[in-house]
Amino acid sequence: MTPLVAKLLHGLCMVAWWVIRRPFERKSKRNVLLRDAMDLREKAVLGVSFTGLGLIPFAYIATGFPAALDQAFSPVRAIAGLLLFVAALGLFYATHKALGRNWSVTLAVRAEHSLVTGGVYRFVRHPMYTAFWMWAIAQSLTLQNWLAGPAGIIGFGTLYLLRVGREEALMRETFGSEWNSYAARTPRIIPFAPPPRAR
């Protein structure tokens, strides 16, 4: 494993994520939106996350900039990061498959929206966020650069902190006691962690 191979394989995983998501994105557009929370705040946090997980690592992979911030390369770290990214891709696919037409890139409620509690949703309430955290950590391991590596954790972490509460409020408003019961027994993003009491 070399730095160049690690970068190229990380980039390939980024492309694989898009390949996984694209067909589900097309299918979800066929289901009518009843409520969409795509406001300025939502656009901003999506932009920050995309910058950290997409733009900065892509620029680093394509150009090597900023090479001055490169760390001493560890093949073991890079391999661990790539394995974690592959696991994240598997979780991405399982999450999209479980959601079906309920999936949306934004906070949204669609016609015939149902509360999904099966598949990977038996283990965590937000497996998509779990997968993005795995990706962000994988990026910090594989792209061993003080800017490109942690950019994913900062970018996605910003989205997560500013969005998860709004998403859960929307689910509570839409599904009421059904959501509260599900949230009370299911951890938020870490499987098998004791869930906090639903608010």
Protein backbone atom coordinates (compact mmCIF):
# COMPACT_ATOMS: atom_id res chain seq x y z
CA MET A 1 0.00 0.00 0.00
CA THR A 2 1.33 3.41 -1.02
CA PRO A 3 -0.13 6.90 -0.50
CA LEU A 4 -1.15 7.05 -4.17
CA VAL A 5 -2.93 3.68 -4.05
CA ALA A 6 -4.67 4.68 -0.81
CA LYS A 7 -5.89 7.91 -2.41
CA LEU A 8 -7.12 6.16 -5.55
CA LEU A 9 -8.95 3.45 -3.59
CA HIS A 10 -10.56 6.07 -1.36
CA GLY A 11 -11.70 7.92 -4.48
CA LEU A 12 -13.10 4.68 -5.88
CA CYS A 13 -15.11 4.21 -2.67
CA MET A 14 -16.49 7.73 -3.09
CA VAL A 15 -17.63 6.84 -6.61
CA ALA A 16 -19.13 3.57 -5.31
CA TRP A 17 -21.20 5.57 -2.80
CA TRP A 18 -22.68 7.61 -5.65
CA VAL A 19 -23.37 4.43 -7.67
CA ILE A 20 -25.21 2.93 -4.68
CA ARG A 21 -27.27 6.05 -4.04
CA ARG A 22 -28.22 7.03 -7.59
CA PRO A 23 -30.95 4.42 -8.31
CA PHE A 24 -32.61 5.04 -4.93
CA GLU A 25 -32.51 8.78 -5.58
CA ARG A 26 -34.36 8.29 -8.87
CA LYS A 27 -36.99 6.03 -7.27
CA SER A 28 -37.64 8.37 -4.35
CA LYS A 29 -38.48 11.23 -6.73
CA ARG A 30 -41.53 9.28 -7.88
CA ASN A 31 -43.04 9.50 -4.40
CA VAL A 32 -44.81 12.83 -3.79
CA LEU A 33 -43.35 15.14 -1.13
CA LEU A 34 -45.82 16.21 1.55
CA ARG A 35 -43.30 18.22 3.56
CA ASP A 36 -39.76 19.31 2.75
CA ALA A 37 -37.53 21.12 5.23
CA MET A 38 -35.02 22.25 2.59
CA ASP A 39 -34.45 25.72 4.02
CA LEU A 40 -31.31 27.88 4.10
CA ARG A 41 -29.99 26.10 7.19
CA GLU A 42 -30.45 22.68 5.57
CA LYS A 43 -28.67 23.83 2.42
CA ALA A 44 -25.81 25.23 4.50
CA VAL A 45 -25.22 22.05 6.53
CA LEU A 46 -25.45 19.89 3.41
CA GLY A 47 -22.89 22.16 1.78
CA VAL A 48 -20.52 21.92 4.75
CA SER A 49 -20.83 18.12 4.81
CA PHE A 50 -20.32 17.86 1.03
CA THR A 51 -17.23 20.05 1.29
CA GLY A 52 -15.69 17.89 4.03
CA LEU A 53 -16.57 14.49 2.58
CA GLY A 54 -16.48 15.39 -1.12
CA LEU A 55 -14.75 18.53 -2.34
CA ILE A 56 -11.71 18.63 -0.06
CA PRO A 57 -10.81 14.92 -0.36
CA PHE A 58 -11.45 15.00 -4.12
CA ALA A 59 -9.12 17.99 -4.53
CA TYR A 60 -6.48 16.26 -2.41
CA ILE A 61 -6.75 13.00 -4.37
CA ALA A 62 -6.65 14.81 -7.72
CA THR A 63 -3.90 17.33 -6.98
CA GLY A 64 -2.11 16.32 -3.78
CA PHE A 65 -2.75 19.80 -2.36
CA PRO A 66 -1.85 20.65 0.35
CA ALA A 67 1.13 18.27 0.31
CA ALA A 68 2.80 20.37 3.00
CA LEU A 69 0.22 19.00 5.45
CA ASP A 70 0.85 15.33 4.63
CA GLN A 71 1.46 13.02 7.58
CA ALA A 72 4.01 10.21 7.71
CA PHE A 73 2.24 7.48 5.73
CA SER A 74 1.10 4.34 7.55
CA PRO A 75 -0.04 1.46 5.29
CA VAL A 76 -1.81 -0.20 8.24
CA ARG A 77 -3.89 2.91 8.89
CA ALA A 78 -4.73 3.22 5.20
CA ILE A 79 -5.87 -0.41 4.95
CA ALA A 80 -7.96 -0.04 8.13
CA GLY A 81 -9.56 3.07 6.66
CA LEU A 82 -10.38 1.39 3.36
CA LEU A 83 -11.90 -1.62 5.12
CA LEU A 84 -14.02 0.72 7.23
CA PHE A 85 -15.13 2.60 4.10
CA VAL A 86 -16.15 -0.67 2.42
CA ALA A 87 -18.18 -1.56 5.54
CA ALA A 88 -19.79 1.90 5.39
CA LEU A 89 -20.77 1.26 1.76
CA GLY A 90 -22.43 -2.00 2.77
CA LEU A 91 -24.38 -0.14 5.44
CA PHE A 92 -25.31 2.60 2.95
CA TYR A 93 -26.79 0.00 0.64
CA ALA A 94 -28.66 -1.78 3.42
CA THR A 95 -30.07 1.54 4.67
CA HIS A 96 -31.26 2.65 1.25
CA LYS A 97 -32.81 -0.77 0.64
CA ALA A 98 -34.67 -0.68 3.97
CA LEU A 99 -35.98 2.85 3.33
CA GLY A 100 -37.07 2.30 -0.27
CA ARG A 101 -39.13 5.28 -1.46
CA ASN A 102 -39.13 6.78 2.04
CA TRP A 103 -35.53 7.89 1.51
CA SER A 104 -34.71 11.54 0.89
CA VAL A 105 -31.47 13.50 0.89
CA THR A 106 -33.23 16.27 2.84
CA LEU A 107 -35.54 16.28 5.85
CA ALA A 108 -38.78 15.32 4.16
CA VAL A 109 -42.03 13.42 4.57
CA ARG A 110 -43.37 11.71 1.47
CA ALA A 111 -46.81 10.44 0.52
CA GLU A 112 -47.43 7.02 2.08
CA HIS A 113 -44.41 7.60 4.33
CA SER A 114 -43.99 4.82 6.86
CA LEU A 115 -41.79 4.49 9.93
CA VAL A 116 -39.12 1.95 9.00
CA THR A 117 -38.05 -0.19 11.95
CA GLY A 118 -36.88 -3.34 10.17
CA GLY A 119 -33.61 -4.32 8.53
CA VAL A 120 -30.69 -2.26 9.81
CA TYR A 121 -33.21 0.01 11.55
CA ARG A 122 -33.66 -2.70 14.18
CA PHE A 123 -30.20 -1.81 15.48
CA VAL A 124 -30.02 2.00 15.15
CA ARG A 125 -32.49 4.79 14.44
CA HIS A 126 -30.15 6.50 11.97
CA PRO A 127 -28.03 3.90 10.15
CA MET A 128 -27.36 6.40 7.35
CA TYR A 129 -25.65 8.66 9.86
CA THR A 130 -23.75 5.68 11.25
CA ALA A 131 -22.48 4.95 7.74
CA PHE A 132 -21.45 8.59 7.21
CA TRP A 133 -19.55 8.58 10.53
CA MET A 134 -17.77 5.41 9.38
CA TRP A 135 -16.90 7.14 6.08
CA ALA A 136 -15.61 10.23 7.89
CA ILE A 137 -13.40 8.16 10.20
CA ALA A 138 -12.21 6.07 7.23
CA GLN A 139 -11.23 9.28 5.44
CA SER A 140 -9.11 10.39 8.39
CA LEU A 141 -7.31 7.03 8.33
CA THR A 142 -6.84 6.68 4.57
CA LEU A 143 -6.10 10.26 3.51
CA GLN A 144 -3.18 10.94 5.82
CA ASN A 145 -3.14 14.70 5.50
CA TRP A 146 -3.93 17.21 8.25
CA LEU A 147 -6.55 18.96 6.06
CA ALA A 148 -8.07 16.25 3.85
CA GLY A 149 -8.15 13.57 6.57
CA PRO A 150 -10.21 15.26 9.31
CA ALA A 151 -12.28 17.36 6.86
CA GLY A 152 -14.91 14.61 6.74
CA ILE A 153 -15.31 14.43 10.51
CA ILE A 154 -15.63 18.22 10.72
CA GLY A 155 -17.95 18.49 7.71
CA PHE A 156 -20.27 15.62 8.51
CA GLY A 157 -20.04 16.28 12.26
CA THR A 158 -21.41 19.77 11.63
CA LEU A 159 -24.35 18.37 9.66
CA TYR A 160 -25.04 15.71 12.26
CA LEU A 161 -25.02 18.09 15.23
CA LEU A 162 -27.26 20.65 13.52
CA ARG A 163 -29.63 18.20 11.87
CA VAL A 164 -30.32 15.07 13.92
CA GLY A 165 -32.48 16.89 16.48
CA ARG A 166 -34.61 18.45 13.72
CA GLU A 167 -34.97 15.10 12.01
CA GLU A 168 -36.12 13.39 15.19
CA ALA A 169 -38.58 16.22 15.89
CA LEU A 170 -40.01 15.72 12.38
CA MET A 171 -40.33 11.97 12.96
CA ARG A 172 -42.01 12.56 16.33
CA GLU A 173 -44.43 15.03 14.77
CA THR A 174 -45.22 12.63 11.91
CA PHE A 175 -45.43 9.32 13.78
CA GLY A 176 -46.16 10.34 17.38
CA SER A 177 -46.19 7.54 19.93
CA GLU A 178 -44.98 5.03 17.34
CA TRP A 179 -41.75 7.04 16.99
CA ASN A 180 -41.43 7.54 20.75
CA SER A 181 -41.72 3.80 21.34
CA TYR A 182 -39.16 3.04 18.63
CA ALA A 183 -36.74 5.71 19.91
CA ALA A 184 -37.04 4.40 23.47
CA ARG A 185 -35.81 0.95 22.48
CA THR A 186 -33.37 1.74 19.66
CA PRO A 187 -30.01 3.54 19.94
CA ARG A 188 -29.47 6.60 17.78
CA ILE A 189 -26.32 5.69 15.79
CA ILE A 190 -24.22 3.14 17.74
CA PRO A 191 -25.65 -0.41 17.62
CA PHE A 192 -26.34 -2.06 20.97
CA ALA A 193 -25.67 1.16 22.91
CA PRO A 194 -28.30 1.85 25.57
CA PRO A 195 -30.71 4.36 24.01
CA PRO A 196 -31.41 7.58 25.88
CA ARG A 197 -34.98 8.23 26.87
CA ALA A 198 -37.06 9.68 24.06
CA ARG A 199 -37.81 13.36 24.55
